[in-house]
Amino acid sequence: MRAVEVDDRPIAVLRSGDRFYAFDNFCTHEGVTFTAGYGVIAKNRVVCMLHSSAFDLATGAVLTGPAQDSLQTYEVLVSGEDVLVRIP
């Protein structure tokens, strides 16, 4: 998992298997950043280690609380060796 900024927005980008994912780099529960050591990837989910909220990597949906709000996810395009994140 790697932290990037797109249009001043903190984004986490990661590769799981042969797929890339991008989502806001903070838990919607307490706002801690996943890439600062508060997040781990397991079974197509990112888990906030502060209070164990889990989110689906593809949709951002909350899988387990205490978080109630989904993560904002972003489309990822791979062009050669570049990984591009599309911000709406």
Protein backbone atom coordinates (compact mmCIF):
# COMPACT_ATOMS: atom_id res chain seq x y z
CA MET A 1 0.00 0.00 0.00
CA ARG A 2 1.37 3.39 -0.97
CA ALA A 3 0.23 6.92 -0.16
CA VAL A 4 -0.19 9.41 -3.02
CA GLU A 5 -1.90 12.75 -3.42
CA VAL A 6 -4.20 13.46 -6.33
CA ASP A 7 -5.52 17.02 -6.55
CA ASP A 8 -4.55 17.54 -2.86
CA ARG A 9 -6.57 14.47 -1.89
CA PRO A 10 -4.77 11.75 0.17
CA ILE A 11 -5.23 8.45 -1.64
CA ALA A 12 -4.03 4.93 -0.83
CA VAL A 13 -3.09 2.79 -3.82
CA LEU A 14 -2.36 -0.89 -3.57
CA ARG A 15 -1.98 -3.98 -5.64
CA SER A 16 -3.68 -7.18 -4.60
CA GLY A 17 -2.98 -10.06 -6.94
CA ASP A 18 -3.17 -8.67 -10.46
CA ARG A 19 -5.54 -5.80 -9.59
CA PHE A 20 -4.90 -2.28 -8.37
CA TYR A 21 -7.20 -0.44 -5.95
CA ALA A 22 -7.39 3.21 -4.91
CA PHE A 23 -9.38 4.75 -2.06
CA ASP A 24 -9.28 7.65 0.38
CA ASN A 25 -6.31 7.16 2.69
CA PHE A 26 -8.20 7.57 5.96
CA CYS A 27 -10.65 5.48 7.93
CA THR A 28 -14.13 7.00 7.93
CA HIS A 29 -14.49 6.21 11.63
CA GLU A 30 -11.59 8.12 13.25
CA GLY A 31 -9.70 9.49 10.26
CA VAL A 32 -6.40 7.67 10.78
CA THR A 33 -4.40 6.98 7.63
CA PHE A 34 -4.14 3.43 6.39
CA THR A 35 -0.64 3.90 4.98
CA ALA A 36 0.80 5.21 8.27
CA GLY A 37 0.67 1.70 9.69
CA TYR A 38 -3.00 1.74 10.67
CA GLY A 39 -4.19 -0.40 7.78
CA VAL A 40 -3.70 -3.98 6.68
CA ILE A 41 -4.94 -5.83 3.63
CA ALA A 42 -6.65 -9.19 4.05
CA LYS A 43 -9.03 -11.11 1.75
CA ASN A 44 -9.94 -8.20 -0.55
CA ARG A 45 -10.49 -5.83 2.34
CA VAL A 46 -8.58 -3.09 4.08
CA VAL A 47 -8.81 -3.16 7.86
CA CYS A 48 -8.16 -0.16 10.09
CA MET A 49 -6.02 -1.37 12.95
CA LEU A 50 -7.21 1.34 15.33
CA HIS A 51 -10.74 -0.07 15.86
CA SER A 52 -10.88 -2.92 13.28
CA SER A 53 -13.30 -1.34 10.81
CA ALA A 54 -13.06 -3.26 7.54
CA PHE A 55 -13.88 -2.02 4.04
CA ASP A 56 -14.30 -3.80 0.70
CA LEU A 57 -11.38 -2.88 -1.57
CA ALA A 58 -13.50 -2.77 -4.74
CA THR A 59 -16.54 -0.87 -3.49
CA GLY A 60 -15.41 0.81 -0.25
CA ALA A 61 -18.45 -0.66 1.53
CA VAL A 62 -18.20 -1.12 5.29
CA LEU A 63 -17.83 -4.81 6.06
CA THR A 64 -17.42 -4.49 9.83
CA GLY A 65 -17.77 -1.49 12.12
CA PRO A 66 -17.55 0.62 14.09
CA ALA A 67 -17.25 2.69 10.87
CA GLN A 68 -20.63 3.50 9.35
CA ASP A 69 -19.58 5.41 6.22
CA SER A 70 -18.06 3.73 3.18
CA LEU A 71 -14.65 4.63 1.80
CA GLN A 72 -14.55 6.64 -1.40
CA THR A 73 -12.98 4.41 -4.05
CA TYR A 74 -11.48 5.48 -7.39
CA GLU A 75 -11.03 3.96 -10.79
CA VAL A 76 -7.48 2.79 -11.47
CA LEU A 77 -6.01 2.54 -14.95
CA VAL A 78 -2.67 0.92 -15.75
CA SER A 79 -0.82 2.33 -18.74
CA GLY A 80 2.50 0.60 -19.28
CA GLU A 81 4.30 1.03 -15.96
CA ASP A 82 2.13 3.96 -14.85
CA VAL A 83 -0.73 3.52 -12.39
CA LEU A 84 -3.31 6.25 -12.92
CA VAL A 85 -6.10 7.19 -10.50
CA ARG A 86 -9.20 8.83 -11.93
CA ILE A 87 -10.77 11.45 -9.64
CA PRO A 88 -14.35 12.38 -10.59
